[in-house]
Amino acid sequence: MQKNSLMLKVVDRSGVIYSGEVSSVSSKNKKGKLDILTLHANLVSVVYEGISFIDAISSVEHKIGFPFAIMRSYKDSVTVLLPGS
């Protein structure tokens, strides 16, 4: 893993949608905008209106849309659990 990067995994009922190194993850929760960078405090939050993240290798921004999900940040790993359909 590159220095100053996070491991992001986005999962739904059918399996892994995305897994890779990112430099940041952004979303919204009930308190407002939520940005996760390396060394972020551990947390679990319900997030809304999708996520955006920047690929650590290519520096390209990607977005995954959804109405809500559960986001877990632990050490330098972020997991997003999407609701089943």
C-alpha atoms as a PDB file:
ATOM      1  CA  MET A   1       0.000   0.000   0.000  1.00  0.00           C
ATOM      2  CA  GLN A   2       1.245   3.467  -0.852  1.00  0.00           C
ATOM      3  CA  LYS A   3       2.103   5.956   1.861  1.00  0.00           C
ATOM      4  CA  ASN A   4      -0.819   8.321   2.573  1.00  0.00           C
ATOM      5  CA  SER A   5      -3.426   5.959   1.132  1.00  0.00           C
ATOM      6  CA  LEU A   6      -6.443   4.072   2.446  1.00  0.00           C
ATOM      7  CA  MET A   7      -7.828   0.697   1.482  1.00  0.00           C
ATOM      8  CA  LEU A   8     -11.453   1.099   0.354  1.00  0.00           C
ATOM      9  CA  LYS A   9     -13.907  -1.759  -0.032  1.00  0.00           C
ATOM     10  CA  VAL A  10     -17.503  -1.207  -1.190  1.00  0.00           C
ATOM     11  CA  VAL A  11     -19.748  -4.249  -0.748  1.00  0.00           C
ATOM     12  CA  ASP A  12     -23.378  -5.077  -1.519  1.00  0.00           C
ATOM     13  CA  ARG A  13     -25.387  -8.275  -1.213  1.00  0.00           C
ATOM     14  CA  SER A  14     -23.929  -9.696  -4.445  1.00  0.00           C
ATOM     15  CA  GLY A  15     -20.299  -9.083  -3.479  1.00  0.00           C
ATOM     16  CA  VAL A  16     -17.481  -6.567  -3.761  1.00  0.00           C
ATOM     17  CA  ILE A  17     -18.247  -3.598  -6.026  1.00  0.00           C
ATOM     18  CA  TYR A  18     -14.909  -1.852  -5.539  1.00  0.00           C
ATOM     19  CA  SER A  19     -11.693  -2.669  -3.724  1.00  0.00           C
ATOM     20  CA  GLY A  20      -8.515  -0.639  -3.977  1.00  0.00           C
ATOM     21  CA  GLU A  21      -6.178   2.039  -2.681  1.00  0.00           C
ATOM     22  CA  VAL A  22      -7.576   5.556  -2.434  1.00  0.00           C
ATOM     23  CA  SER A  23      -6.232   8.842  -1.103  1.00  0.00           C
ATOM     24  CA  SER A  24      -9.591  10.029   0.304  1.00  0.00           C
ATOM     25  CA  VAL A  25     -13.244   9.063   0.702  1.00  0.00           C
ATOM     26  CA  SER A  26     -16.052  11.641   0.897  1.00  0.00           C
ATOM     27  CA  SER A  27     -19.752  11.377   1.682  1.00  0.00           C
ATOM     28  CA  LYS A  28     -22.464  12.990   3.819  1.00  0.00           C
ATOM     29  CA  ASN A  29     -23.979  11.980   7.126  1.00  0.00           C
ATOM     30  CA  LYS A  30     -26.629  13.640   9.316  1.00  0.00           C
ATOM     31  CA  LYS A  31     -24.099  16.180  10.577  1.00  0.00           C
ATOM     32  CA  GLY A  32     -22.902  17.224   7.100  1.00  0.00           C
ATOM     33  CA  LYS A  33     -19.963  16.474   4.827  1.00  0.00           C
ATOM     34  CA  LEU A  34     -17.679  13.638   5.895  1.00  0.00           C
ATOM     35  CA  ASP A  35     -14.131  13.325   4.529  1.00  0.00           C
ATOM     36  CA  ILE A  36     -11.860  10.444   5.473  1.00  0.00           C
ATOM     37  CA  LEU A  37      -8.109  10.693   4.962  1.00  0.00           C
ATOM     38  CA  THR A  38      -5.236   8.592   6.285  1.00  0.00           C
ATOM     39  CA  LEU A  39      -4.927   8.483  10.084  1.00  0.00           C
ATOM     40  CA  HIS A  40      -8.622   9.371  10.460  1.00  0.00           C
ATOM     41  CA  ALA A  41     -10.263   8.477  13.766  1.00  0.00           C
ATOM     42  CA  ASN A  42     -12.071   5.140  13.807  1.00  0.00           C
ATOM     43  CA  LEU A  43     -15.809   5.553  13.207  1.00  0.00           C
ATOM     44  CA  VAL A  44     -19.026   3.959  12.044  1.00  0.00           C
ATOM     45  CA  SER A  45     -21.654   6.177  10.387  1.00  0.00           C
ATOM     46  CA  VAL A  46     -24.737   5.986   8.209  1.00  0.00           C
ATOM     47  CA  VAL A  47     -23.912   7.944   5.048  1.00  0.00           C
ATOM     48  CA  TYR A  48     -26.228   9.343   2.395  1.00  0.00           C
ATOM     49  CA  GLU A  49     -26.184  10.308  -1.281  1.00  0.00           C
ATOM     50  CA  GLY A  50     -23.281   8.095  -2.367  1.00  0.00           C
ATOM     51  CA  ILE A  51     -19.526   8.356  -1.961  1.00  0.00           C
ATOM     52  CA  SER A  52     -16.718   9.845  -3.961  1.00  0.00           C
ATOM     53  CA  PHE A  53     -13.107   8.767  -3.722  1.00  0.00           C
ATOM     54  CA  ILE A  54      -9.787   9.511  -5.369  1.00  0.00           C
ATOM     55  CA  ASP A  55      -7.762   6.595  -6.701  1.00  0.00           C
ATOM     56  CA  ALA A  56      -4.327   6.656  -5.043  1.00  0.00           C
ATOM     57  CA  ILE A  57      -2.512   5.524  -8.199  1.00  0.00           C
ATOM     58  CA  SER A  58      -4.209   7.496 -10.993  1.00  0.00           C
ATOM     59  CA  SER A  59      -5.555  10.448  -8.926  1.00  0.00           C
ATOM     60  CA  VAL A  60      -8.875  10.042 -10.769  1.00  0.00           C
ATOM     61  CA  GLU A  61     -12.082  10.775  -8.853  1.00  0.00           C
ATOM     62  CA  HIS A  62     -14.755   8.047  -8.867  1.00  0.00           C
ATOM     63  CA  LYS A  63     -18.331   8.122  -7.564  1.00  0.00           C
ATOM     64  CA  ILE A  64     -20.688   5.377  -6.434  1.00  0.00           C
ATOM     65  CA  GLY A  65     -24.290   6.433  -5.936  1.00  0.00           C
ATOM     66  CA  PHE A  66     -26.746   5.047  -3.398  1.00  0.00           C
ATOM     67  CA  PRO A  67     -29.447   6.504  -1.125  1.00  0.00           C
ATOM     68  CA  PHE A  68     -27.735   5.373   2.115  1.00  0.00           C
ATOM     69  CA  ALA A  69     -25.116   2.929   3.427  1.00  0.00           C
ATOM     70  CA  ILE A  70     -23.033   2.142   6.487  1.00  0.00           C
ATOM     71  CA  MET A  71     -19.432   3.363   6.401  1.00  0.00           C
ATOM     72  CA  ARG A  72     -16.773   1.997   8.753  1.00  0.00           C
ATOM     73  CA  SER A  73     -13.335   3.552   9.091  1.00  0.00           C
ATOM     74  CA  TYR A  74     -10.807   1.490  11.047  1.00  0.00           C
ATOM     75  CA  LYS A  75      -7.102   2.300  10.998  1.00  0.00           C
ATOM     76  CA  ASP A  76      -6.415   3.051   7.309  1.00  0.00           C
ATOM     77  CA  SER A  77      -9.234   0.904   5.951  1.00  0.00           C
ATOM     78  CA  VAL A  78     -12.722   2.047   4.927  1.00  0.00           C
ATOM     79  CA  THR A  79     -15.592  -0.362   4.292  1.00  0.00           C
ATOM     80  CA  VAL A  80     -18.929   0.750   2.839  1.00  0.00           C
ATOM     81  CA  LEU A  81     -21.853  -1.680   3.235  1.00  0.00           C
ATOM     82  CA  LEU A  82     -24.686  -1.020   0.779  1.00  0.00           C
ATOM     83  CA  PRO A  83     -28.229  -2.147   1.556  1.00  0.00           C
ATOM     84  CA  GLY A  84     -29.562  -5.253  -0.174  1.00  0.00           C
ATOM     85  CA  SER A  85     -32.111  -4.922  -2.930  1.00  0.00           C
END
